[in-house]
All heavy atoms as atom14 arrays in JSON, in Angstrom:
{
  "sequence": "RVDQAVPPVAVRGDLDVIRGLARRLGVRHHFDFHTGREVFEELKAL",
  "atom14_mask": [
    [1, 1, 1, 1, 1, 1, 1, 1, 1, 1, 1, 0, 0, 0],
    [1, 1, 1, 1, 1, 1, 1, 0, 0, 0, 0, 0, 0, 0],
    [1, 1, 1, 1, 1, 1, 1, 1, 0, 0, 0, 0, 0, 0],
    [1, 1, 1, 1, 1, 1, 1, 1, 1, 0, 0, 0, 0, 0],
    [1, 1, 1, 1, 1, 0, 0, 0, 0, 0, 0, 0, 0, 0],
    [1, 1, 1, 1, 1, 1, 1, 0, 0, 0, 0, 0, 0, 0],
    [1, 1, 1, 1, 1, 1, 1, 0, 0, 0, 0, 0, 0, 0],
    [1, 1, 1, 1, 1, 1, 1, 0, 0, 0, 0, 0, 0, 0],
    [1, 1, 1, 1, 1, 1, 1, 0, 0, 0, 0, 0, 0, 0],
    [1, 1, 1, 1, 1, 0, 0, 0, 0, 0, 0, 0, 0, 0],
    [1, 1, 1, 1, 1, 1, 1, 0, 0, 0, 0, 0, 0, 0],
    [1, 1, 1, 1, 1, 1, 1, 1, 1, 1, 1, 0, 0, 0],
    [1, 1, 1, 1, 0, 0, 0, 0, 0, 0, 0, 0, 0, 0],
    [1, 1, 1, 1, 1, 1, 1, 1, 0, 0, 0, 0, 0, 0],
    [1, 1, 1, 1, 1, 1, 1, 1, 0, 0, 0, 0, 0, 0],
    [1, 1, 1, 1, 1, 1, 1, 1, 0, 0, 0, 0, 0, 0],
    [1, 1, 1, 1, 1, 1, 1, 0, 0, 0, 0, 0, 0, 0],
    [1, 1, 1, 1, 1, 1, 1, 1, 0, 0, 0, 0, 0, 0],
    [1, 1, 1, 1, 1, 1, 1, 1, 1, 1, 1, 0, 0, 0],
    [1, 1, 1, 1, 0, 0, 0, 0, 0, 0, 0, 0, 0, 0],
    [1, 1, 1, 1, 1, 1, 1, 1, 0, 0, 0, 0, 0, 0],
    [1, 1, 1, 1, 1, 0, 0, 0, 0, 0, 0, 0, 0, 0],
    [1, 1, 1, 1, 1, 1, 1, 1, 1, 1, 1, 0, 0, 0],
    [1, 1, 1, 1, 1, 1, 1, 1, 1, 1, 1, 0, 0, 0],
    [1, 1, 1, 1, 1, 1, 1, 1, 0, 0, 0, 0, 0, 0],
    [1, 1, 1, 1, 0, 0, 0, 0, 0, 0, 0, 0, 0, 0],
    [1, 1, 1, 1, 1, 1, 1, 0, 0, 0, 0, 0, 0, 0],
    [1, 1, 1, 1, 1, 1, 1, 1, 1, 1, 1, 0, 0, 0],
    [1, 1, 1, 1, 1, 1, 1, 1, 1, 1, 0, 0, 0, 0],
    [1, 1, 1, 1, 1, 1, 1, 1, 1, 1, 0, 0, 0, 0],
    [1, 1, 1, 1, 1, 1, 1, 1, 1, 1, 1, 0, 0, 0],
    [1, 1, 1, 1, 1, 1, 1, 1, 0, 0, 0, 0, 0, 0],
    [1, 1, 1, 1, 1, 1, 1, 1, 1, 1, 1, 0, 0, 0],
    [1, 1, 1, 1, 1, 1, 1, 1, 1, 1, 0, 0, 0, 0],
    [1, 1, 1, 1, 1, 1, 1, 0, 0, 0, 0, 0, 0, 0],
    [1, 1, 1, 1, 0, 0, 0, 0, 0, 0, 0, 0, 0, 0],
    [1, 1, 1, 1, 1, 1, 1, 1, 1, 1, 1, 0, 0, 0],
    [1, 1, 1, 1, 1, 1, 1, 1, 1, 0, 0, 0, 0, 0],
    [1, 1, 1, 1, 1, 1, 1, 0, 0, 0, 0, 0, 0, 0],
    [1, 1, 1, 1, 1, 1, 1, 1, 1, 1, 1, 0, 0, 0],
    [1, 1, 1, 1, 1, 1, 1, 1, 1, 0, 0, 0, 0, 0],
    [1, 1, 1, 1, 1, 1, 1, 1, 1, 0, 0, 0, 0, 0],
    [1, 1, 1, 1, 1, 1, 1, 1, 0, 0, 0, 0, 0, 0],
    [1, 1, 1, 1, 1, 1, 1, 1, 1, 0, 0, 0, 0, 0],
    [1, 1, 1, 1, 1, 0, 0, 0, 0, 0, 0, 0, 0, 0],
    [1, 1, 1, 1, 1, 1, 1, 1, 0, 0, 0, 0, 0, 0]
  ],
  "atom14_positions": [
    [[-3.38, -16.1, -4.68], [-2.53, -14.91, -4.93], [-2.95, -14.21, -6.22], [-3.24, -14.85, -7.22], [-1.1, -15.31, -4.99], [-0.13, -14.17, -4.62], [1.3, -14.7, -4.58], [1.97, -14.55, -5.9], [3.1, -15.03, -6.17], [3.73, -15.85, -5.35], [3.65, -14.86, -7.42], [0.0, 0.0, 0.0], [0.0, 0.0, 0.0], [0.0, 0.0, 0.0]],
    [[-2.99, -12.88, -6.17], [-3.16, -12.12, -7.41], [-1.9, -11.38, -7.73], [-1.3, -10.81, -6.82], [-4.37, -11.15, -7.32], [-5.68, -11.93, -7.16], [-4.23, -10.23, -6.12], [0.0, 0.0, 0.0], [0.0, 0.0, 0.0], [0.0, 0.0, 0.0], [0.0, 0.0, 0.0], [0.0, 0.0, 0.0], [0.0, 0.0, 0.0], [0.0, 0.0, 0.0]],
    [[-1.49, -11.38, -8.98], [-0.24, -10.68, -9.38], [-0.56, -9.5, -10.28], [-1.51, -9.54, -11.07], [0.7, -11.66, -10.12], [1.29, -12.68, -9.16], [1.11, -12.56, -7.93], [1.99, -13.59, -9.67], [0.0, 0.0, 0.0], [0.0, 0.0, 0.0], [0.0, 0.0, 0.0], [0.0, 0.0, 0.0], [0.0, 0.0, 0.0], [0.0, 0.0, 0.0]],
    [[0.21, -8.47, -10.1], [0.03, -7.25, -10.88], [0.46, -7.48, -12.37], [1.54, -7.91, -12.63], [0.79, -6.07, -10.34], [0.55, -4.75, -11.01], [1.24, -3.61, -10.3], [1.81, -3.76, -9.19], [1.25, -2.44, -10.91], [0.0, 0.0, 0.0], [0.0, 0.0, 0.0], [0.0, 0.0, 0.0], [0.0, 0.0, 0.0], [0.0, 0.0, 0.0]],
    [[-0.46, -7.16, -13.31], [-0.11, -7.37, -14.69], [0.38, -6.08, -15.35], [1.29, -6.09, -16.21], [-1.38, -7.82, -15.46], [0.0, 0.0, 0.0], [0.0, 0.0, 0.0], [0.0, 0.0, 0.0], [0.0, 0.0, 0.0], [0.0, 0.0, 0.0], [0.0, 0.0, 0.0], [0.0, 0.0, 0.0], [0.0, 0.0, 0.0], [0.0, 0.0, 0.0]],
    [[-0.19, -4.93, -14.96], [0.19, -3.67, -15.54], [0.24, -2.61, -14.46], [-0.38, -2.68, -13.4], [-0.8, -3.24, -16.65], [-0.71, -4.14, -17.89], [-2.21, -3.15, -16.15], [0.0, 0.0, 0.0], [0.0, 0.0, 0.0], [0.0, 0.0, 0.0], [0.0, 0.0, 0.0], [0.0, 0.0, 0.0], [0.0, 0.0, 0.0], [0.0, 0.0, 0.0]],
    [[0.98, -1.49, -14.71], [0.96, -0.38, -13.76], [-0.44, 0.25, -13.67], [-1.26, 0.14, -14.6], [1.97, 0.62, -14.32], [2.75, -0.13, -15.3], [1.88, -1.19, -15.88], [0.0, 0.0, 0.0], [0.0, 0.0, 0.0], [0.0, 0.0, 0.0], [0.0, 0.0, 0.0], [0.0, 0.0, 0.0], [0.0, 0.0, 0.0], [0.0, 0.0, 0.0]],
    [[-0.71, 0.96, -12.53], [-2.05, 1.58, -12.45], [-2.26, 2.59, -13.52], [-1.34, 3.39, -13.86], [-1.95, 2.29, -11.06], [-0.95, 1.54, -10.27], [0.09, 1.05, -11.32], [0.0, 0.0, 0.0], [0.0, 0.0, 0.0], [0.0, 0.0, 0.0], [0.0, 0.0, 0.0], [0.0, 0.0, 0.0], [0.0, 0.0, 0.0], [0.0, 0.0, 0.0]],
    [[-3.44, 2.55, -14.15], [-3.75, 3.44, -15.26], [-3.68, 4.9, -14.79], [-3.27, 5.79, -15.5], [-5.17, 3.14, -15.76], [-5.72, 4.21, -16.68], [-5.15, 1.78, -16.51], [0.0, 0.0, 0.0], [0.0, 0.0, 0.0], [0.0, 0.0, 0.0], [0.0, 0.0, 0.0], [0.0, 0.0, 0.0], [0.0, 0.0, 0.0], [0.0, 0.0, 0.0]],
    [[-4.07, 5.15, -13.53], [-4.09, 6.52, -12.96], [-2.77, 6.8, -12.21], [-2.76, 7.78, -11.43], [-5.27, 6.72, -12.06], [0.0, 0.0, 0.0], [0.0, 0.0, 0.0], [0.0, 0.0, 0.0], [0.0, 0.0, 0.0], [0.0, 0.0, 0.0], [0.0, 0.0, 0.0], [0.0, 0.0, 0.0], [0.0, 0.0, 0.0], [0.0, 0.0, 0.0]],
    [[-1.72, 6.03, -12.44], [-0.39, 6.23, -11.88], [-0.29, 5.77, -10.46], [0.62, 4.92, -10.12], [0.08, 7.75, -11.99], [1.52, 7.87, -11.43], [0.02, 8.2, -13.43], [0.0, 0.0, 0.0], [0.0, 0.0, 0.0], [0.0, 0.0, 0.0], [0.0, 0.0, 0.0], [0.0, 0.0, 0.0], [0.0, 0.0, 0.0], [0.0, 0.0, 0.0]],
    [[-1.17, 6.18, -9.59], [-1.12, 5.79, -8.15], [-2.02, 4.58, -7.97], [-3.18, 4.6, -8.39], [-1.51, 6.89, -7.22], [-0.5, 8.03, -7.13], [-0.95, 8.99, -6.08], [-0.08, 10.2, -5.99], [0.52, 10.59, -4.85], [0.46, 9.88, -3.78], [1.29, 11.66, -4.9], [0.0, 0.0, 0.0], [0.0, 0.0, 0.0], [0.0, 0.0, 0.0]],
    [[-1.48, 3.57, -7.26], [-2.35, 2.4, -6.89], [-3.04, 2.71, -5.57], [-2.8, 3.71, -4.9], [0.0, 0.0, 0.0], [0.0, 0.0, 0.0], [0.0, 0.0, 0.0], [0.0, 0.0, 0.0], [0.0, 0.0, 0.0], [0.0, 0.0, 0.0], [0.0, 0.0, 0.0], [0.0, 0.0, 0.0], [0.0, 0.0, 0.0], [0.0, 0.0, 0.0]],
    [[-3.94, 1.76, -5.15], [-4.71, 1.99, -3.96], [-3.82, 2.06, -2.68], [-4.08, 2.85, -1.73], [-5.73, 0.85, -3.77], [-6.88, 0.97, -4.85], [-7.02, 2.04, -5.48], [-7.61, 0.02, -4.98], [0.0, 0.0, 0.0], [0.0, 0.0, 0.0], [0.0, 0.0, 0.0], [0.0, 0.0, 0.0], [0.0, 0.0, 0.0], [0.0, 0.0, 0.0]],
    [[-2.76, 1.27, -2.65], [-1.85, 1.26, -1.49], [-1.18, 2.66, -1.43], [-1.04, 3.2, -0.35], [-0.78, 0.16, -1.59], [-1.25, -1.25, -1.58], [-0.04, -2.18, -1.46], [-2.23, -1.51, -0.47], [0.0, 0.0, 0.0], [0.0, 0.0, 0.0], [0.0, 0.0, 0.0], [0.0, 0.0, 0.0], [0.0, 0.0, 0.0], [0.0, 0.0, 0.0]],
    [[-0.84, 3.2, -2.55], [-0.22, 4.53, -2.59], [-1.23, 5.59, -2.12], [-0.85, 6.54, -1.43], [0.17, 4.79, -4.04], [1.13, 6.01, -4.14], [1.54, 6.56, -3.11], [1.48, 6.39, -5.28], [0.0, 0.0, 0.0], [0.0, 0.0, 0.0], [0.0, 0.0, 0.0], [0.0, 0.0, 0.0], [0.0, 0.0, 0.0], [0.0, 0.0, 0.0]],
    [[-2.49, 5.44, -2.51], [-3.53, 6.42, -2.13], [-3.7, 6.36, -0.6], [-3.77, 7.42, 0.06], [-4.83, 6.13, -2.85], [-5.96, 6.95, -2.31], [-4.66, 6.37, -4.35], [0.0, 0.0, 0.0], [0.0, 0.0, 0.0], [0.0, 0.0, 0.0], [0.0, 0.0, 0.0], [0.0, 0.0, 0.0], [0.0, 0.0, 0.0], [0.0, 0.0, 0.0]],
    [[-3.82, 5.14, -0.06], [-3.99, 5.05, 1.41], [-2.77, 5.63, 2.15], [-2.95, 6.32, 3.13], [-4.21, 3.58, 1.77], [-5.58, 3.09, 1.22], [-4.21, 3.39, 3.28], [-5.78, 1.59, 1.34], [0.0, 0.0, 0.0], [0.0, 0.0, 0.0], [0.0, 0.0, 0.0], [0.0, 0.0, 0.0], [0.0, 0.0, 0.0], [0.0, 0.0, 0.0]],
    [[-1.56, 5.29, 1.64], [-0.36, 5.85, 2.23], [-0.37, 7.37, 2.16], [-0.02, 8.06, 3.12], [0.81, 5.28, 1.55], [2.17, 5.64, 2.23], [3.4, 4.98, 1.6], [3.62, 5.41, 0.19], [3.36, 4.72, -0.9], [2.95, 3.47, -0.8], [3.61, 5.17, -2.1], [0.0, 0.0, 0.0], [0.0, 0.0, 0.0], [0.0, 0.0, 0.0]],
    [[-0.81, 7.95, 0.99], [-0.8, 9.41, 0.87], [-1.82, 10.04, 1.8], [-1.48, 11.16, 2.39], [0.0, 0.0, 0.0], [0.0, 0.0, 0.0], [0.0, 0.0, 0.0], [0.0, 0.0, 0.0], [0.0, 0.0, 0.0], [0.0, 0.0, 0.0], [0.0, 0.0, 0.0], [0.0, 0.0, 0.0], [0.0, 0.0, 0.0], [0.0, 0.0, 0.0]],
    [[-2.96, 9.45, 1.99], [-3.92, 10.01, 2.96], [-3.36, 9.93, 4.35], [-3.49, 10.83, 5.18], [-5.26, 9.3, 2.85], [-6.01, 9.58, 1.6], [-7.27, 8.64, 1.48], [-6.53, 11.02, 1.56], [0.0, 0.0, 0.0], [0.0, 0.0, 0.0], [0.0, 0.0, 0.0], [0.0, 0.0, 0.0], [0.0, 0.0, 0.0], [0.0, 0.0, 0.0]],
    [[-2.79, 8.75, 4.7], [-2.24, 8.52, 6.08], [-1.15, 9.53, 6.38], [-1.02, 10.06, 7.48], [-1.74, 7.11, 6.19], [0.0, 0.0, 0.0], [0.0, 0.0, 0.0], [0.0, 0.0, 0.0], [0.0, 0.0, 0.0], [0.0, 0.0, 0.0], [0.0, 0.0, 0.0], [0.0, 0.0, 0.0], [0.0, 0.0, 0.0], [0.0, 0.0, 0.0]],
    [[-0.27, 9.81, 5.37], [0.76, 10.83, 5.61], [0.19, 12.21, 5.94], [0.63, 12.89, 6.92], [1.62, 10.95, 4.39], [2.79, 11.98, 4.53], [3.71, 12.01, 3.35], [3.08, 12.57, 2.13], [2.92, 13.84, 1.93], [3.3, 14.77, 2.8], [2.34, 14.3, 0.77], [0.0, 0.0, 0.0], [0.0, 0.0, 0.0], [0.0, 0.0, 0.0]],
    [[-0.87, 12.56, 5.25], [-1.49, 13.88, 5.5], [-2.25, 13.92, 6.84], [-2.55, 14.98, 7.37], [-2.41, 14.21, 4.32], [-1.62, 14.57, 3.1], [-2.45, 14.53, 1.81], [-1.68, 15.04, 0.7], [-0.82, 14.35, -0.03], [-0.56, 13.09, 0.29], [-0.21, 14.87, -1.08], [0.0, 0.0, 0.0], [0.0, 0.0, 0.0], [0.0, 0.0, 0.0]],
    [[-2.58, 12.71, 7.37], [-3.3, 12.63, 8.64], [-2.27, 12.4, 9.76], [-2.66, 12.17, 10.91], [-4.33, 11.56, 8.6], [-5.52, 11.9, 7.68], [-6.37, 10.64, 7.39], [-6.38, 12.96, 8.25], [0.0, 0.0, 0.0], [0.0, 0.0, 0.0], [0.0, 0.0, 0.0], [0.0, 0.0, 0.0], [0.0, 0.0, 0.0], [0.0, 0.0, 0.0]],
    [[-0.98, 12.35, 9.43], [0.08, 12.3, 10.48], [0.45, 10.91, 10.93], [1.1, 10.79, 11.96], [0.0, 0.0, 0.0], [0.0, 0.0, 0.0], [0.0, 0.0, 0.0], [0.0, 0.0, 0.0], [0.0, 0.0, 0.0], [0.0, 0.0, 0.0], [0.0, 0.0, 0.0], [0.0, 0.0, 0.0], [0.0, 0.0, 0.0], [0.0, 0.0, 0.0]],
    [[0.06, 9.85, 10.15], [0.37, 8.51, 10.61], [1.02, 7.63, 9.51], [0.76, 6.45, 9.44], [-0.93, 7.81, 11.17], [-1.33, 8.41, 12.48], [-2.02, 7.81, 10.09], [0.0, 0.0, 0.0], [0.0, 0.0, 0.0], [0.0, 0.0, 0.0], [0.0, 0.0, 0.0], [0.0, 0.0, 0.0], [0.0, 0.0, 0.0], [0.0, 0.0, 0.0]],
    [[1.8, 8.26, 8.65], [2.4, 7.48, 7.55], [3.23, 6.29, 8.06], [3.25, 5.25, 7.4], [3.32, 8.37, 6.71], [4.02, 7.55, 5.68], [4.83, 8.33, 4.64], [5.59, 7.45, 3.81], [6.1, 7.77, 2.66], [5.98, 9.01, 2.2], [6.82, 6.9, 1.92], [0.0, 0.0, 0.0], [0.0, 0.0, 0.0], [0.0, 0.0, 0.0]],
    [[3.82, 6.41, 9.25], [4.67, 5.32, 9.68], [3.88, 4.0, 9.89], [4.43, 2.91, 9.89], [5.35, 5.69, 10.98], [4.45, 6.07, 12.13], [3.69, 7.22, 12.12], [4.14, 5.43, 13.27], [2.95, 7.3, 13.21], [3.23, 6.22, 13.94], [0.0, 0.0, 0.0], [0.0, 0.0, 0.0], [0.0, 0.0, 0.0], [0.0, 0.0, 0.0]],
    [[2.59, 4.1, 10.02], [1.77, 2.92, 10.12], [1.38, 2.32, 8.77], [0.79, 1.21, 8.71], [0.46, 3.22, 10.95], [0.68, 3.37, 12.41], [1.16, 2.39, 13.21], [0.46, 4.49, 13.21], [1.24, 2.8, 14.42], [0.79, 4.1, 14.48], [0.0, 0.0, 0.0], [0.0, 0.0, 0.0], [0.0, 0.0, 0.0], [0.0, 0.0, 0.0]],
    [[1.66, 3.02, 7.72], [1.18, 2.68, 6.37], [2.23, 2.71, 5.32], [1.91, 2.9, 4.12], [-0.03, 3.61, 5.99], [-1.18, 3.49, 6.9], [-1.29, 4.29, 8.07], [-2.19, 2.6, 6.64], [-2.29, 4.15, 8.92], [-3.28, 2.46, 7.58], [-3.34, 3.28, 8.71], [0.0, 0.0, 0.0], [0.0, 0.0, 0.0], [0.0, 0.0, 0.0]],
    [[3.49, 2.56, 5.68], [4.56, 2.71, 4.75], [4.8, 1.43, 3.92], [5.84, 0.8, 4.11], [5.8, 3.18, 5.48], [6.8, 3.87, 4.57], [6.39, 4.19, 3.36], [7.92, 4.13, 4.95], [0.0, 0.0, 0.0], [0.0, 0.0, 0.0], [0.0, 0.0, 0.0], [0.0, 0.0, 0.0], [0.0, 0.0, 0.0], [0.0, 0.0, 0.0]],
    [[3.81, 1.1, 3.15], [3.87, -0.14, 2.34], [3.84, 0.26, 0.85], [3.08, 1.19, 0.48], [2.7, -1.05, 2.6], [2.57, -1.46, 4.08], [1.68, -0.8, 4.9], [3.32, -2.49, 4.53], [1.56, -1.17, 6.21], [3.21, -2.85, 5.88], [2.33, -2.19, 6.73], [0.0, 0.0, 0.0], [0.0, 0.0, 0.0], [0.0, 0.0, 0.0]],
    [[4.58, -0.46, 0.02], [4.54, -0.19, -1.41], [4.04, -1.35, -2.26], [3.78, -1.16, -3.44], [5.95, 0.23, -1.87], [6.38, 1.5, -1.23], [6.85, 1.57, 0.03], [6.42, 2.78, -1.79], [7.2, 2.85, 0.34], [6.89, 3.6, -0.75], [0.0, 0.0, 0.0], [0.0, 0.0, 0.0], [0.0, 0.0, 0.0], [0.0, 0.0, 0.0]],
    [[3.97, -2.56, -1.66], [3.52, -3.68, -2.4], [2.56, -4.56, -1.56], [2.6, -4.44, -0.29], [4.66, -4.65, -2.84], [5.23, -5.29, -1.66], [5.71, -3.89, -3.62], [0.0, 0.0, 0.0], [0.0, 0.0, 0.0], [0.0, 0.0, 0.0], [0.0, 0.0, 0.0], [0.0, 0.0, 0.0], [0.0, 0.0, 0.0], [0.0, 0.0, 0.0]],
    [[1.67, -5.24, -2.18], [0.81, -6.17, -1.52], [1.56, -7.17, -0.64], [1.09, -7.54, 0.42], [0.0, 0.0, 0.0], [0.0, 0.0, 0.0], [0.0, 0.0, 0.0], [0.0, 0.0, 0.0], [0.0, 0.0, 0.0], [0.0, 0.0, 0.0], [0.0, 0.0, 0.0], [0.0, 0.0, 0.0], [0.0, 0.0, 0.0], [0.0, 0.0, 0.0]],
    [[2.68, -7.64, -1.18], [3.44, -8.65, -0.46], [3.94, -8.08, 0.9], [3.93, -8.82, 1.92], [4.66, -9.07, -1.3], [5.46, -10.17, -0.69], [6.52, -10.67, -1.66], [7.14, -11.92, -1.23], [7.51, -12.88, -2.01], [7.39, -12.78, -3.33], [8.04, -14.01, -1.52], [0.0, 0.0, 0.0], [0.0, 0.0, 0.0], [0.0, 0.0, 0.0]],
    [[4.33, -6.79, 0.93], [4.77, -6.2, 2.14], [3.64, -6.15, 3.19], [3.84, -6.45, 4.37], [5.27, -4.78, 1.87], [6.59, -4.74, 1.12], [6.94, -3.35, 0.73], [6.17, -2.38, 1.04], [8.06, -3.09, 0.1], [0.0, 0.0, 0.0], [0.0, 0.0, 0.0], [0.0, 0.0, 0.0], [0.0, 0.0, 0.0], [0.0, 0.0, 0.0]],
    [[2.45, -5.78, 2.73], [1.32, -5.75, 3.63], [0.95, -7.16, 4.1], [0.67, -7.37, 5.29], [0.09, -5.13, 2.93], [-1.13, -5.03, 3.94], [0.39, -3.79, 2.37], [0.0, 0.0, 0.0], [0.0, 0.0, 0.0], [0.0, 0.0, 0.0], [0.0, 0.0, 0.0], [0.0, 0.0, 0.0], [0.0, 0.0, 0.0], [0.0, 0.0, 0.0]],
    [[1.03, -8.13, 3.21], [0.71, -9.52, 3.64], [1.61, -10.0, 4.73], [1.09, -10.68, 5.66], [0.9, -10.46, 2.41], [0.62, -11.89, 2.75], [-0.67, -12.35, 2.85], [1.71, -12.77, 2.95], [-0.94, -13.72, 3.11], [1.46, -14.12, 3.27], [0.12, -14.59, 3.31], [0.0, 0.0, 0.0], [0.0, 0.0, 0.0], [0.0, 0.0, 0.0]],
    [[2.9, -9.59, 4.74], [3.75, -10.07, 5.79], [3.32, -9.49, 7.16], [3.37, -10.19, 8.15], [5.22, -9.66, 5.48], [5.84, -10.35, 4.27], [5.78, -11.89, 4.38], [5.97, -12.41, 5.46], [5.51, -12.55, 3.37], [0.0, 0.0, 0.0], [0.0, 0.0, 0.0], [0.0, 0.0, 0.0], [0.0, 0.0, 0.0], [0.0, 0.0, 0.0]],
    [[2.86, -8.25, 7.21], [2.36, -7.71, 8.46], [1.06, -8.34, 8.83], [0.81, -8.71, 10.01], [2.22, -6.17, 8.37], [1.65, -5.57, 9.65], [1.62, -4.07, 9.67], [2.71, -3.5, 9.59], [0.49, -3.5, 9.82], [0.0, 0.0, 0.0], [0.0, 0.0, 0.0], [0.0, 0.0, 0.0], [0.0, 0.0, 0.0], [0.0, 0.0, 0.0]],
    [[0.16, -8.49, 7.85], [-1.13, -9.1, 8.08], [-1.0, -10.5, 8.65], [-1.68, -10.86, 9.62], [-1.91, -9.14, 6.75], [-3.25, -9.84, 6.67], [-3.98, -9.22, 5.42], [-3.18, -11.31, 6.47], [0.0, 0.0, 0.0], [0.0, 0.0, 0.0], [0.0, 0.0, 0.0], [0.0, 0.0, 0.0], [0.0, 0.0, 0.0], [0.0, 0.0, 0.0]],
    [[-0.14, -11.34, 8.03], [-0.08, -12.7, 8.51], [0.56, -12.8, 9.92], [0.2, -13.63, 10.7], [0.68, -13.56, 7.5], [2.26, -13.44, 7.47], [2.79, -14.58, 6.68], [4.31, -14.71, 6.93], [4.96, -15.78, 6.15], [0.0, 0.0, 0.0], [0.0, 0.0, 0.0], [0.0, 0.0, 0.0], [0.0, 0.0, 0.0], [0.0, 0.0, 0.0]],
    [[1.53, -11.9, 10.24], [2.12, -11.9, 11.52], [1.07, -11.55, 12.54], [1.01, -12.16, 13.67], [3.33, -10.98, 11.56], [0.0, 0.0, 0.0], [0.0, 0.0, 0.0], [0.0, 0.0, 0.0], [0.0, 0.0, 0.0], [0.0, 0.0, 0.0], [0.0, 0.0, 0.0], [0.0, 0.0, 0.0], [0.0, 0.0, 0.0], [0.0, 0.0, 0.0]],
    [[0.22, -10.55, 12.2], [-0.76, -10.1, 13.19], [-1.87, -11.16, 13.37], [-2.5, -11.21, 14.41], [-1.33, -8.75, 12.71], [-1.99, -7.89, 13.86], [-1.86, -6.43, 13.5], [-3.41, -8.27, 14.05], [0.0, 0.0, 0.0], [0.0, 0.0, 0.0], [0.0, 0.0, 0.0], [0.0, 0.0, 0.0], [0.0, 0.0, 0.0], [0.0, 0.0, 0.0]]
  ]
}
């Protein structure tokens, strides 16, 4: 496991960037994650 030590220097993290692109491409509901832990739960289930 890797844990976040500091907030993103550029304000938005990579999950936020992917979510923002997905929203503009019309599929945000597939990418509505805010933490790595949330993504991990979907990943491990799949």
